[in-house]
Every structure is written in C-alpha cells, then in structure tokens.
C-alpha cells in the first residue's frame, strides 16, 4: 500500500538531533521532501529594517542625541517630540497644546530641562518671551507646531528664534506647520528645520497644510570652560 508522508511527520523526523549544523541540514532536506510530496517552498520574507532610537534608520554617533519631531496634523492630531527614545511630548502624555510645543535640553549632557506649550492663537506672547529670554549658552531647543504657531508671534519672539538658528521664524504665518531644532549660541543657521506654508492650493487638510516629520542626530557640545 502507498503511504503518504505529511510535512509534520517529515519535520519531526528530520529535526531530531543536536542544535547547530543539523538545523541547517534539517531545513535543506525538509524543503526537498516537502517539494517532492507536493508542498511549495515559501519565499523567504524580506527582513524588517532595523529601527534605532526614536525610529531612526541608522544609529547616531557617540556623543550625539537621536531625535524625531512631528508637527501636529490640523487641529486634531497633536505633535510629538522624541529624544533618545523617550517621548517628551505627545497626545498620549497629555502634554500638547495649541501653538508651539517646546522642549529645552541641556546641550552638554542631554538632560531635559523644561517642556511647555504656548498658545499662539489666543495666548499671551509675553509668556513665550519669558521662557526664551533667559536661555543659557548651549541650551538646545526642540519645537513642534500644532494648529497655529504664529498669530501671536511678535518681532522679538521671531528674532530670538532666528538667534537660535531658525530661518523660517521671520516668515512663519497662521496655521503653518513647523518643526525646528536650535541652540543658544549657535554660530550658523540650524540644519534641522522644516516649514510647510498654509496655502489653500496645496493644503492636505481643509484649512491646514500636512504634518511635518524630521529626525536626526544632534551633537552634544563640550562643557564650557570656567
């Protein structure tokens, strides 16, 4: 009589043995026998790309901080700030606000100093100025917008952001999307900034541009000499 072998029986028979080289042989022979009895060898799935801190596709060098900023989507989905794989700002943490969401970070050791949101539609810009004026040399600033980042911005606030490395702050307008990383004492303009202008012709959402996402590695600075 003809006896059919099942893949389960084949597998249990072939894979008896010590762990190691036998495992490779098991797989090879198992595939051959499965094909012989009518089974089909499944294609090897593509390996998932490895993700690093804050979802970066590559690790940051030593003495660098991994970050990812995401601006809010319209006035519905809040912004997100991730630093060294820690979520500093998000809707899930219940610490987002309309306007500018800002995290201040020690530029020497990466410690988080303060996190705050400033309402730039109905709030008082003096609160933002009190927050920005006393920044110490080397302090890093991470900014992600939500809904409207600009209506209450005045010339002094825009100038401070420019001094922190921004090129977009001087033109930032009603309901623009904006993400920015700067530093007190930066010598040149920051390479970490994106702005999406609010424009009826190009807006992704009705009344708002699309959300922006930016990630990268920020070098820590050496301690200041005393």
C-alpha atoms as a PDB file:
ATOM      1  CA  UNK A   1       0.000   0.000   0.000  1.00  0.00           C
ATOM      2  CA  UNK A   2       1.074   3.535  -0.703  1.00  0.00           C
ATOM      3  CA  UNK A   3       1.767   5.599   2.422  1.00  0.00           C
ATOM      4  CA  UNK A   4       1.683   9.350   2.265  1.00  0.00           C
ATOM      5  CA  UNK A   5       4.054  11.333   4.399  1.00  0.00           C
ATOM      6  CA  UNK A   6       2.879  14.606   5.853  1.00  0.00           C
ATOM      7  CA  UNK A   7       5.094  17.651   6.336  1.00  0.00           C
ATOM      8  CA  UNK A   8       4.596  17.356  10.122  1.00  0.00           C
ATOM      9  CA  UNK A   9       5.970  13.791  10.159  1.00  0.00           C
ATOM     10  CA  UNK A  10       8.838  14.720   7.882  1.00  0.00           C
ATOM     11  CA  UNK A  11       9.738  17.694  10.013  1.00  0.00           C
ATOM     12  CA  UNK A  12       9.725  15.800  13.290  1.00  0.00           C
ATOM     13  CA  UNK A  13      11.877  13.054  11.831  1.00  0.00           C
ATOM     14  CA  UNK A  14      14.434  15.273  10.164  1.00  0.00           C
ATOM     15  CA  UNK A  15      14.882  17.693  13.003  1.00  0.00           C
ATOM     16  CA  UNK A  16      15.907  15.196  15.642  1.00  0.00           C
ATOM     17  CA  UNK A  17      19.500  15.895  16.569  1.00  0.00           C
ATOM     18  CA  UNK A  18      21.774  18.387  18.199  1.00  0.00           C
ATOM     19  CA  UNK A  19      21.343  22.131  17.723  1.00  0.00           C
ATOM     20  CA  UNK A  20      23.802  23.609  15.225  1.00  0.00           C
ATOM     21  CA  UNK A  21      24.789  22.282  11.823  1.00  0.00           C
ATOM     22  CA  UNK A  22      21.946  19.762  11.976  1.00  0.00           C
ATOM     23  CA  UNK A  23      19.452  22.632  11.922  1.00  0.00           C
ATOM     24  CA  UNK A  24      20.715  23.799   8.522  1.00  0.00           C
ATOM     25  CA  UNK A  25      20.590  20.254   7.183  1.00  0.00           C
ATOM     26  CA  UNK A  26      17.056  19.840   8.539  1.00  0.00           C
ATOM     27  CA  UNK A  27      15.882  22.882   6.677  1.00  0.00           C
ATOM     28  CA  UNK A  28      17.520  21.845   3.422  1.00  0.00           C
ATOM     29  CA  UNK A  29      16.191  18.278   3.484  1.00  0.00           C
ATOM     30  CA  UNK A  30      12.791  19.383   4.718  1.00  0.00           C
ATOM     31  CA  UNK A  31      12.382  21.699   1.764  1.00  0.00           C
ATOM     32  CA  UNK A  32      13.348  18.928  -0.666  1.00  0.00           C
ATOM     33  CA  UNK A  33      10.875  16.413   0.757  1.00  0.00           C
ATOM     34  CA  UNK A  34       8.072  18.956   1.010  1.00  0.00           C
ATOM     35  CA  UNK A  35       8.553  19.735  -2.666  1.00  0.00           C
ATOM     36  CA  UNK A  36       8.565  16.037  -3.525  1.00  0.00           C
ATOM     37  CA  UNK A  37       5.219  15.390  -1.841  1.00  0.00           C
ATOM     38  CA  UNK A  38       3.608  18.403  -3.421  1.00  0.00           C
ATOM     39  CA  UNK A  39       4.296  21.129  -0.878  1.00  0.00           C
ATOM     40  CA  UNK A  40       5.563  24.513  -2.023  1.00  0.00           C
ATOM     41  CA  UNK A  41       8.548  26.272  -0.591  1.00  0.00           C
ATOM     42  CA  UNK A  42       7.537  29.697   0.633  1.00  0.00           C
ATOM     43  CA  UNK A  43       9.714  32.626  -0.391  1.00  0.00           C
ATOM     44  CA  UNK A  44      11.997  33.965   2.299  1.00  0.00           C
ATOM     45  CA  UNK A  45      10.384  37.113   3.725  1.00  0.00           C
ATOM     46  CA  UNK A  46      12.308  40.348   3.456  1.00  0.00           C
ATOM     47  CA  UNK A  47      13.987  41.133   6.774  1.00  0.00           C
ATOM     48  CA  UNK A  48      12.431  44.099   8.528  1.00  0.00           C
ATOM     49  CA  UNK A  49      14.719  47.119   8.544  1.00  0.00           C
ATOM     50  CA  UNK A  50      16.134  47.641  12.000  1.00  0.00           C
ATOM     51  CA  UNK A  51      14.972  50.745  13.814  1.00  0.00           C
ATOM     52  CA  UNK A  52      17.131  52.691  16.207  1.00  0.00           C
ATOM     53  CA  UNK A  53      16.357  55.327  18.851  1.00  0.00           C
ATOM     54  CA  UNK A  54      13.265  57.391  18.001  1.00  0.00           C
ATOM     55  CA  UNK A  55      12.747  55.234  14.912  1.00  0.00           C
ATOM     56  CA  UNK A  56      15.869  56.418  13.097  1.00  0.00           C
ATOM     57  CA  UNK A  57      17.072  54.168  10.279  1.00  0.00           C
ATOM     58  CA  UNK A  58      20.693  54.337  11.486  1.00  0.00           C
ATOM     59  CA  UNK A  59      22.285  54.800  14.905  1.00  0.00           C
ATOM     60  CA  UNK A  60      23.673  58.167  15.918  1.00  0.00           C
ATOM     61  CA  UNK A  61      27.416  58.552  16.507  1.00  0.00           C
ATOM     62  CA  UNK A  62      28.764  58.726  20.033  1.00  0.00           C
ATOM     63  CA  UNK A  63      28.068  61.979  21.867  1.00  0.00           C
ATOM     64  CA  UNK A  64      25.034  62.696  19.671  1.00  0.00           C
ATOM     65  CA  UNK A  65      21.350  62.812  20.617  1.00  0.00           C
ATOM     66  CA  UNK A  66      18.812  60.970  18.460  1.00  0.00           C
ATOM     67  CA  UNK A  67      15.607  62.922  17.900  1.00  0.00           C
ATOM     68  CA  UNK A  68      12.389  62.907  15.921  1.00  0.00           C
ATOM     69  CA  UNK A  69       9.935  65.795  15.678  1.00  0.00           C
ATOM     70  CA  UNK A  70       6.423  65.574  14.252  1.00  0.00           C
ATOM     71  CA  UNK A  71       4.204  68.621  13.941  1.00  0.00           C
ATOM     72  CA  UNK A  72       0.503  68.390  14.662  1.00  0.00           C
ATOM     73  CA  UNK A  73      -1.938  67.405  11.923  1.00  0.00           C
ATOM     74  CA  UNK A  74      -4.535  70.166  11.507  1.00  0.00           C
ATOM     75  CA  UNK A  75      -6.064  70.779  14.948  1.00  0.00           C
ATOM     76  CA  UNK A  76      -6.802  67.091  15.515  1.00  0.00           C
ATOM     77  CA  UNK A  77      -3.621  65.050  15.996  1.00  0.00           C
ATOM     78  CA  UNK A  78      -1.114  66.519  18.409  1.00  0.00           C
ATOM     79  CA  UNK A  79       2.619  66.925  17.781  1.00  0.00           C
ATOM     80  CA  UNK A  80       5.288  64.582  19.071  1.00  0.00           C
ATOM     81  CA  UNK A  81       8.829  65.161  20.298  1.00  0.00           C
ATOM     82  CA  UNK A  82      11.105  62.144  20.812  1.00  0.00           C
ATOM     83  CA  UNK A  83      14.628  62.425  22.228  1.00  0.00           C
ATOM     84  CA  UNK A  84      16.954  59.468  22.829  1.00  0.00           C
ATOM     85  CA  UNK A  85      13.994  57.073  22.505  1.00  0.00           C
ATOM     86  CA  UNK A  86      11.984  58.929  25.157  1.00  0.00           C
ATOM     87  CA  UNK A  87       8.711  60.594  24.172  1.00  0.00           C
ATOM     88  CA  UNK A  88       8.827  64.085  25.666  1.00  0.00           C
ATOM     89  CA  UNK A  89       5.674  65.497  24.089  1.00  0.00           C
ATOM     90  CA  UNK A  90       2.639  63.641  22.719  1.00  0.00           C
ATOM     91  CA  UNK A  91      -1.137  63.462  22.905  1.00  0.00           C
ATOM     92  CA  UNK A  92      -0.766  60.188  24.810  1.00  0.00           C
ATOM     93  CA  UNK A  93       1.228  62.018  27.509  1.00  0.00           C
ATOM     94  CA  UNK A  94      -1.499  64.676  27.583  1.00  0.00           C
ATOM     95  CA  UNK A  95       1.038  67.498  27.419  1.00  0.00           C
ATOM     96  CA  UNK A  96       0.465  69.003  23.963  1.00  0.00           C
ATOM     97  CA  UNK A  97      -1.039  72.408  23.381  1.00  0.00           C
ATOM     98  CA  UNK A  98      -2.195  74.573  20.512  1.00  0.00           C
ATOM     99  CA  UNK A  99       0.622  76.742  19.211  1.00  0.00           C
ATOM    100  CA  UNK A 100       4.280  75.983  19.903  1.00  0.00           C
ATOM    101  CA  UNK A 101       5.297  72.860  21.826  1.00  0.00           C
ATOM    102  CA  UNK A 102       8.834  73.329  23.114  1.00  0.00           C
ATOM    103  CA  UNK A 103      11.372  71.166  24.931  1.00  0.00           C
ATOM    104  CA  UNK A 104      14.565  72.653  26.347  1.00  0.00           C
ATOM    105  CA  UNK A 105      17.529  70.297  26.685  1.00  0.00           C
ATOM    106  CA  UNK A 106      20.994  70.631  28.212  1.00  0.00           C
ATOM    107  CA  UNK A 107      23.336  70.663  25.217  1.00  0.00           C
ATOM    108  CA  UNK A 108      26.241  69.158  27.181  1.00  0.00           C
ATOM    109  CA  UNK A 109      24.650  66.089  28.794  1.00  0.00           C
ATOM    110  CA  UNK A 110      21.257  65.767  27.066  1.00  0.00           C
ATOM    111  CA  UNK A 111      19.172  66.232  30.220  1.00  0.00           C
ATOM    112  CA  UNK A 112      15.651  67.560  29.639  1.00  0.00           C
ATOM    113  CA  UNK A 113      15.310  70.939  31.344  1.00  0.00           C
ATOM    114  CA  UNK A 114      11.729  72.011  30.685  1.00  0.00           C
ATOM    115  CA  UNK A 115       8.741  71.230  28.459  1.00  0.00           C
ATOM    116  CA  UNK A 116       5.989  73.725  27.770  1.00  0.00           C
ATOM    117  CA  UNK A 117       3.333  74.674  25.203  1.00  0.00           C
ATOM    118  CA  UNK A 118       2.484  78.245  24.208  1.00  0.00           C
ATOM    119  CA  UNK A 119      -0.856  79.184  22.646  1.00  0.00           C
ATOM    120  CA  UNK A 120      -0.047  81.376  19.655  1.00  0.00           C
ATOM    121  CA  UNK A 121      -3.695  81.933  18.684  1.00  0.00           C
ATOM    122  CA  UNK A 122      -5.306  83.199  21.877  1.00  0.00           C
ATOM    123  CA  UNK A 123      -2.404  83.218  24.346  1.00  0.00           C
ATOM    124  CA  UNK A 124      -0.021  85.920  25.541  1.00  0.00           C
ATOM    125  CA  UNK A 125       3.318  86.096  23.736  1.00  0.00           C
ATOM    126  CA  UNK A 126       4.924  87.546  26.869  1.00  0.00           C
ATOM    127  CA  UNK A 127       4.832  84.038  28.388  1.00  0.00           C
ATOM    128  CA  UNK A 128       6.868  82.728  25.453  1.00  0.00           C
ATOM    129  CA  UNK A 129       9.337  85.600  25.767  1.00  0.00           C
ATOM    130  CA  UNK A 130       9.839  84.949  29.493  1.00  0.00           C
ATOM    131  CA  UNK A 131      10.604  81.338  28.568  1.00  0.00           C
ATOM    132  CA  UNK A 132      13.087  82.137  25.783  1.00  0.00           C
ATOM    133  CA  UNK A 133      14.982  85.205  27.023  1.00  0.00           C
ATOM    134  CA  UNK A 134      16.979  83.556  29.852  1.00  0.00           C
ATOM    135  CA  UNK A 135      18.242  80.518  27.893  1.00  0.00           C
ATOM    136  CA  UNK A 136      21.806  79.577  28.804  1.00  0.00           C
ATOM    137  CA  UNK A 137      24.580  79.179  26.266  1.00  0.00           C
ATOM    138  CA  UNK A 138      24.449  75.698  24.745  1.00  0.00           C
ATOM    139  CA  UNK A 139      20.796  75.003  25.572  1.00  0.00           C
ATOM    140  CA  UNK A 140      19.059  73.017  22.831  1.00  0.00           C
ATOM    141  CA  UNK A 141      15.508  73.895  21.827  1.00  0.00           C
ATOM    142  CA  UNK A 142      13.099  71.474  20.124  1.00  0.00           C
ATOM    143  CA  UNK A 143       9.931  72.986  18.636  1.00  0.00           C
ATOM    144  CA  UNK A 144       6.879  71.323  17.067  1.00  0.00           C
ATOM    145  CA  UNK A 145       3.821  73.295  15.983  1.00  0.00           C
ATOM    146  CA  UNK A 146       0.167  72.404  16.493  1.00  0.00           C
ATOM    147  CA  UNK A 147      -2.725  74.160  14.743  1.00  0.00           C
ATOM    148  CA  UNK A 148      -1.453  77.768  14.676  1.00  0.00           C
ATOM    149  CA  UNK A 149       2.155  78.622  15.593  1.00  0.00           C
ATOM    150  CA  UNK A 150       2.330  82.245  14.540  1.00  0.00           C
ATOM    151  CA  UNK A 151      -0.605  84.607  15.056  1.00  0.00           C
ATOM    152  CA  UNK A 152       0.668  85.995  18.383  1.00  0.00           C
ATOM    153  CA  UNK A 153       4.374  85.910  17.491  1.00  0.00           C
ATOM    154  CA  UNK A 154       5.884  89.399  17.653  1.00  0.00           C
ATOM    155  CA  UNK A 155       9.165  90.748  16.289  1.00  0.00           C
ATOM    156  CA  UNK A 156      11.127  89.970  19.451  1.00  0.00           C
ATOM    157  CA  UNK A 157       9.982  86.340  19.560  1.00  0.00           C
ATOM    158  CA  UNK A 158      10.819  85.877  15.880  1.00  0.00           C
ATOM    159  CA  UNK A 159      14.241  87.452  16.419  1.00  0.00           C
ATOM    160  CA  UNK A 160      15.002  85.128  19.338  1.00  0.00           C
ATOM    161  CA  UNK A 161      14.145  82.099  17.213  1.00  0.00           C
ATOM    162  CA  UNK A 162      16.431  83.482  14.481  1.00  0.00           C
ATOM    163  CA  UNK A 163      19.240  83.827  17.034  1.00  0.00           C
ATOM    164  CA  UNK A 164      18.646  80.176  17.967  1.00  0.00           C
ATOM    165  CA  UNK A 165      19.272  79.221  14.329  1.00  0.00           C
ATOM    166  CA  UNK A 166      15.882  79.485  12.616  1.00  0.00           C
ATOM    167  CA  UNK A 167      15.481  80.759   9.077  1.00  0.00           C
ATOM    168  CA  UNK A 168      11.699  80.256   8.931  1.00  0.00           C
ATOM    169  CA  UNK A 169      10.616  82.101  12.082  1.00  0.00           C
ATOM    170  CA  UNK A 170      10.644  85.533  10.471  1.00  0.00           C
ATOM    171  CA  UNK A 171       8.064  84.412   7.880  1.00  0.00           C
ATOM    172  CA  UNK A 172       6.086  81.925   9.984  1.00  0.00           C
ATOM    173  CA  UNK A 173       2.374  82.525   9.416  1.00  0.00           C
ATOM    174  CA  UNK A 174      -1.114  81.495  10.537  1.00  0.00           C
ATOM    175  CA  UNK A 175      -1.529  77.696  10.584  1.00  0.00           C
ATOM    176  CA  UNK A 176       1.850  76.907   9.016  1.00  0.00           C
ATOM    177  CA  UNK A 177       3.408  73.575  10.013  1.00  0.00           C
ATOM    178  CA  UNK A 178       6.832  73.998  11.629  1.00  0.00           C
ATOM    179  CA  UNK A 179       9.465  71.783  13.239  1.00  0.00           C
ATOM    180  CA  UNK A 180      12.788  73.168  14.422  1.00  0.00           C
ATOM    181  CA  UNK A 181      15.846  72.307  16.497  1.00  0.00           C
ATOM    182  CA  UNK A 182      18.121  75.163  17.504  1.00  0.00           C
ATOM    183  CA  UNK A 183      20.617  76.126  20.185  1.00  0.00           C
ATOM    184  CA  UNK A 184      21.563  79.146  22.232  1.00  0.00           C
ATOM    185  CA  UNK A 185      24.882  80.395  20.879  1.00  0.00           C
ATOM    186  CA  UNK A 186      24.673  78.581  17.531  1.00  0.00           C
ATOM    187  CA  UNK A 187      27.118  80.109  15.049  1.00  0.00           C
ATOM    188  CA  UNK A 188      25.263  79.321  11.831  1.00  0.00           C
ATOM    189  CA  UNK A 189      21.708  78.577  10.848  1.00  0.00           C
ATOM    190  CA  UNK A 190      20.358  75.247  12.058  1.00  0.00           C
ATOM    191  CA  UNK A 191      20.198  72.416   9.503  1.00  0.00           C
ATOM    192  CA  UNK A 192      17.249  70.987  11.440  1.00  0.00           C
ATOM    193  CA  UNK A 193      14.188  72.950  10.362  1.00  0.00           C
ATOM    194  CA  UNK A 194      11.165  72.424   8.125  1.00  0.00           C
ATOM    195  CA  UNK A 195       8.213  74.667   7.376  1.00  0.00           C
ATOM    196  CA  UNK A 196       5.093  73.891   5.367  1.00  0.00           C
ATOM    197  CA  UNK A 197       3.190  77.021   4.403  1.00  0.00           C
ATOM    198  CA  UNK A 198      -0.555  77.209   4.910  1.00  0.00           C
ATOM    199  CA  UNK A 199      -1.890  77.533   1.361  1.00  0.00           C
ATOM    200  CA  UNK A 200      -5.378  76.786   0.052  1.00  0.00           C
ATOM    201  CA  UNK A 201      -3.962  75.430  -3.195  1.00  0.00           C
ATOM    202  CA  UNK A 202      -1.641  72.900  -1.562  1.00  0.00           C
ATOM    203  CA  UNK A 203      -3.124  72.155   1.875  1.00  0.00           C
ATOM    204  CA  UNK A 204      -3.535  68.470   2.645  1.00  0.00           C
ATOM    205  CA  UNK A 205      -6.314  69.108   5.150  1.00  0.00           C
ATOM    206  CA  UNK A 206      -9.110  71.626   4.793  1.00  0.00           C
ATOM    207  CA  UNK A 207      -7.573  74.761   6.254  1.00  0.00           C
ATOM    208  CA  UNK A 208      -4.196  73.261   7.220  1.00  0.00           C
ATOM    209  CA  UNK A 209      -1.033  72.019   5.484  1.00  0.00           C
ATOM    210  CA  UNK A 210       0.245  68.498   6.032  1.00  0.00           C
ATOM    211  CA  UNK A 211       2.099  67.409   9.137  1.00  0.00           C
ATOM    212  CA  UNK A 212       5.896  67.540   9.039  1.00  0.00           C
ATOM    213  CA  UNK A 213       8.305  64.929  10.382  1.00  0.00           C
ATOM    214  CA  UNK A 214      12.032  65.392  10.861  1.00  0.00           C
ATOM    215  CA  UNK A 215      14.685  63.295  12.581  1.00  0.00           C
ATOM    216  CA  UNK A 216      18.428  63.297  13.001  1.00  0.00           C
ATOM    217  CA  UNK A 217      21.397  63.375  15.363  1.00  0.00           C
ATOM    218  CA  UNK A 218      22.370  66.437  17.391  1.00  0.00           C
ATOM    219  CA  UNK A 219      25.990  66.644  18.559  1.00  0.00           C
ATOM    220  CA  UNK A 220      26.495  67.316  22.249  1.00  0.00           C
ATOM    221  CA  UNK A 221      28.819  70.195  22.989  1.00  0.00           C
ATOM    222  CA  UNK A 222      31.870  70.140  25.209  1.00  0.00           C
ATOM    223  CA  UNK A 223      31.439  71.660  28.687  1.00  0.00           C
ATOM    224  CA  UNK A 224      32.144  75.377  28.772  1.00  0.00           C
ATOM    225  CA  UNK A 225      35.485  76.275  30.287  1.00  0.00           C
ATOM    226  CA  UNK A 226      35.250  78.155  33.549  1.00  0.00           C
END
